[in-house]
Amino acid sequence: ALLKKHLTEREQDVIRLSYGLDCDKHDAVEICAIFGIEGSYKMKGVRISEIKREALDKLINKTNDLQLPDLL
């Protein structure tokens, strides 16, 4: 619920796919293929890392300690 409340759909999907939440875990190249992100192998990893970092920062900034169990 917290992912939907605080993140864009793309950020939700990247987090879900990266950590294997309700699906198999995917690496950055696989996630890029799903979203149609092009570039070198290294740049794909960097872009997915940026999206994950922005999403996690949003969750950290917009939630409090009492909501943490919901996030996990």
N, C-alpha and C. Protein backbone atom coordinates (compact mmCIF):
# COMPACT_ATOMS: atom_id res chain seq x y z
N ALA A 1 0.82 -1.20 0.00
CA ALA A 1 0.00 0.00 0.00
C ALA A 1 0.86 1.26 0.00
N LEU A 2 1.98 1.21 0.73
CA LEU A 2 2.85 2.40 0.78
C LEU A 2 3.50 2.67 -0.57
N LEU A 3 3.83 1.63 -1.30
CA LEU A 3 4.42 1.83 -2.63
C LEU A 3 3.44 2.58 -3.52
N LYS A 4 2.19 2.15 -3.52
CA LYS A 4 1.18 2.81 -4.36
C LYS A 4 0.91 4.23 -3.91
N LYS A 5 0.97 4.46 -2.62
CA LYS A 5 0.66 5.78 -2.08
C LYS A 5 1.75 6.81 -2.41
N HIS A 6 3.01 6.38 -2.42
CA HIS A 6 4.10 7.34 -2.51
C HIS A 6 4.92 7.30 -3.79
N LEU A 7 4.78 6.25 -4.61
CA LEU A 7 5.63 6.10 -5.78
C LEU A 7 4.83 6.12 -7.07
N THR A 8 5.50 6.50 -8.14
CA THR A 8 4.88 6.41 -9.46
C THR A 8 4.75 4.93 -9.83
N GLU A 9 3.96 4.65 -10.82
CA GLU A 9 3.79 3.26 -11.25
C GLU A 9 5.12 2.66 -11.70
N ARG A 10 5.90 3.43 -12.41
CA ARG A 10 7.21 2.94 -12.87
C ARG A 10 8.13 2.63 -11.70
N GLU A 11 8.17 3.53 -10.71
CA GLU A 11 9.00 3.29 -9.53
C GLU A 11 8.53 2.05 -8.78
N GLN A 12 7.23 1.89 -8.65
CA GLN A 12 6.69 0.69 -8.00
C GLN A 12 7.15 -0.57 -8.71
N ASP A 13 7.05 -0.55 -10.03
CA ASP A 13 7.42 -1.73 -10.81
C ASP A 13 8.91 -2.02 -10.71
N VAL A 14 9.74 -1.00 -10.74
CA VAL A 14 11.19 -1.21 -10.63
C VAL A 14 11.53 -1.82 -9.27
N ILE A 15 10.94 -1.30 -8.21
CA ILE A 15 11.18 -1.86 -6.87
C ILE A 15 10.68 -3.30 -6.81
N ARG A 16 9.49 -3.53 -7.30
CA ARG A 16 8.89 -4.87 -7.27
C ARG A 16 9.75 -5.87 -8.03
N LEU A 17 10.17 -5.50 -9.23
CA LEU A 17 10.97 -6.41 -10.05
C LEU A 17 12.39 -6.58 -9.50
N SER A 18 12.97 -5.52 -8.97
CA SER A 18 14.35 -5.58 -8.45
C SER A 18 14.46 -6.48 -7.23
N TYR A 19 13.45 -6.43 -6.38
CA TYR A 19 13.52 -7.18 -5.13
C TYR A 19 12.68 -8.46 -5.15
N GLY A 20 12.02 -8.72 -6.27
CA GLY A 20 11.23 -9.94 -6.37
C GLY A 20 9.99 -9.94 -5.49
N LEU A 21 9.36 -8.79 -5.36
CA LEU A 21 8.14 -8.70 -4.57
C LEU A 21 6.98 -9.20 -5.42
N ASP A 22 6.38 -10.28 -5.04
CA ASP A 22 5.26 -10.96 -5.72
C ASP A 22 5.60 -11.42 -7.14
N CYS A 23 6.89 -11.57 -7.43
CA CYS A 23 7.34 -12.05 -8.74
C CYS A 23 8.78 -12.55 -8.60
N ASP A 24 9.32 -13.05 -9.69
CA ASP A 24 10.74 -13.43 -9.69
C ASP A 24 11.59 -12.17 -9.66
N LYS A 25 12.75 -12.26 -9.06
CA LYS A 25 13.69 -11.14 -9.02
C LYS A 25 14.32 -10.98 -10.40
N HIS A 26 14.45 -9.73 -10.86
CA HIS A 26 15.03 -9.43 -12.17
C HIS A 26 16.26 -8.56 -12.01
N ASP A 27 17.22 -8.71 -12.93
CA ASP A 27 18.38 -7.82 -12.90
C ASP A 27 18.07 -6.56 -13.73
N ALA A 28 19.00 -5.61 -13.69
CA ALA A 28 18.79 -4.31 -14.33
C ALA A 28 18.55 -4.43 -15.83
N VAL A 29 19.27 -5.31 -16.50
CA VAL A 29 19.11 -5.46 -17.95
C VAL A 29 17.72 -6.00 -18.28
N GLU A 30 17.23 -6.93 -17.49
CA GLU A 30 15.88 -7.47 -17.72
C GLU A 30 14.82 -6.39 -17.48
N ILE A 31 15.01 -5.60 -16.44
CA ILE A 31 14.06 -4.53 -16.15
C ILE A 31 14.06 -3.49 -17.27
N CYS A 32 15.24 -3.16 -17.77
CA CYS A 32 15.33 -2.22 -18.89
C CYS A 32 14.59 -2.75 -20.11
N ALA A 33 14.71 -4.03 -20.37
CA ALA A 33 14.00 -4.63 -21.51
C ALA A 33 12.49 -4.50 -21.32
N ILE A 34 12.01 -4.70 -20.12
CA ILE A 34 10.58 -4.59 -19.83
C ILE A 34 10.09 -3.16 -20.11
N PHE A 35 10.89 -2.17 -19.73
CA PHE A 35 10.49 -0.77 -19.89
C PHE A 35 10.96 -0.14 -21.20
N GLY A 36 11.69 -0.88 -22.00
CA GLY A 36 12.17 -0.35 -23.27
C GLY A 36 13.28 0.68 -23.12
N ILE A 37 14.04 0.59 -22.03
CA ILE A 37 15.17 1.49 -21.81
C ILE A 37 16.36 0.94 -22.58
N GLU A 38 16.94 1.78 -23.42
CA GLU A 38 18.06 1.34 -24.26
C GLU A 38 19.36 1.97 -23.78
N GLY A 39 20.45 1.38 -24.21
CA GLY A 39 21.77 1.89 -23.87
C GLY A 39 22.71 0.74 -23.61
N SER A 40 23.92 1.08 -23.23
CA SER A 40 24.92 0.04 -22.95
C SER A 40 24.53 -0.71 -21.68
N TYR A 41 25.14 -1.85 -21.52
CA TYR A 41 24.88 -2.68 -20.34
C TYR A 41 25.10 -1.87 -19.06
N LYS A 42 26.21 -1.14 -19.01
CA LYS A 42 26.55 -0.35 -17.83
C LYS A 42 25.52 0.75 -17.59
N MET A 43 25.12 1.45 -18.63
CA MET A 43 24.17 2.55 -18.49
C MET A 43 22.80 2.06 -18.05
N LYS A 44 22.41 0.87 -18.49
CA LYS A 44 21.13 0.31 -18.06
C LYS A 44 21.15 0.09 -16.55
N GLY A 45 22.26 -0.45 -16.06
CA GLY A 45 22.39 -0.67 -14.62
C GLY A 45 22.34 0.62 -13.84
N VAL A 46 22.99 1.65 -14.38
CA VAL A 46 23.01 2.95 -13.72
C VAL A 46 21.60 3.53 -13.68
N ARG A 47 20.87 3.45 -14.79
CA ARG A 47 19.52 4.04 -14.84
C ARG A 47 18.58 3.35 -13.87
N ILE A 48 18.61 2.03 -13.82
CA ILE A 48 17.74 1.31 -12.89
C ILE A 48 18.13 1.64 -11.45
N SER A 49 19.43 1.74 -11.18
CA SER A 49 19.88 2.12 -9.84
C SER A 49 19.38 3.50 -9.45
N GLU A 50 19.36 4.43 -10.40
CA GLU A 50 18.86 5.78 -10.14
C GLU A 50 17.38 5.74 -9.78
N ILE A 51 16.60 4.99 -10.54
CA ILE A 51 15.16 4.90 -10.29
C ILE A 51 14.92 4.27 -8.91
N LYS A 52 15.66 3.20 -8.59
CA LYS A 52 15.50 2.56 -7.28
C LYS A 52 15.87 3.52 -6.16
N ARG A 53 16.98 4.23 -6.31
CA ARG A 53 17.43 5.16 -5.27
C ARG A 53 16.40 6.27 -5.05
N GLU A 54 15.87 6.83 -6.13
CA GLU A 54 14.85 7.88 -6.01
C GLU A 54 13.60 7.34 -5.31
N ALA A 55 13.20 6.14 -5.67
CA ALA A 55 12.01 5.54 -5.06
C ALA A 55 12.23 5.27 -3.58
N LEU A 56 13.38 4.71 -3.24
CA LEU A 56 13.67 4.43 -1.83
C LEU A 56 13.79 5.72 -1.03
N ASP A 57 14.39 6.75 -1.61
CA ASP A 57 14.47 8.05 -0.93
C ASP A 57 13.08 8.61 -0.65
N LYS A 58 12.19 8.49 -1.63
CA LYS A 58 10.81 8.96 -1.43
C LYS A 58 10.16 8.22 -0.27
N LEU A 59 10.33 6.90 -0.25
CA LEU A 59 9.72 6.11 0.82
C LEU A 59 10.29 6.48 2.18
N ILE A 60 11.58 6.69 2.25
CA ILE A 60 12.22 7.07 3.52
C ILE A 60 11.71 8.42 3.98
N ASN A 61 11.60 9.37 3.06
CA ASN A 61 11.18 10.73 3.41
C ASN A 61 9.69 10.85 3.71
N LYS A 62 8.88 9.98 3.15
CA LYS A 62 7.43 10.13 3.28
C LYS A 62 6.78 9.15 4.23
N THR A 63 7.57 8.31 4.87
CA THR A 63 7.01 7.36 5.83
C THR A 63 7.67 7.57 7.19
N ASN A 64 7.02 7.06 8.21
CA ASN A 64 7.61 7.15 9.54
C ASN A 64 7.89 5.74 10.05
N ASP A 65 8.51 5.65 11.21
CA ASP A 65 8.92 4.35 11.75
C ASP A 65 7.73 3.41 11.97
N LEU A 66 6.56 3.93 12.25
CA LEU A 66 5.40 3.08 12.49
C LEU A 66 4.91 2.42 11.21
N GLN A 67 5.22 3.00 10.04
CA GLN A 67 4.80 2.45 8.77
C GLN A 67 5.80 1.43 8.22
N LEU A 68 6.97 1.36 8.81
CA LEU A 68 8.02 0.49 8.30
C LEU A 68 7.59 -0.97 8.17
N PRO A 69 6.90 -1.55 9.15
CA PRO A 69 6.47 -2.94 8.96
C PRO A 69 5.58 -3.13 7.74
N ASP A 70 4.78 -2.14 7.38
CA ASP A 70 3.94 -2.22 6.18
C ASP A 70 4.80 -2.25 4.92
N LEU A 71 5.90 -1.53 4.96
CA LEU A 71 6.79 -1.47 3.81
C LEU A 71 7.52 -2.78 3.60
N LEU A 72 7.91 -3.41 4.69
CA LEU A 72 8.63 -4.67 4.62
C LEU A 72 7.66 -5.80 4.34
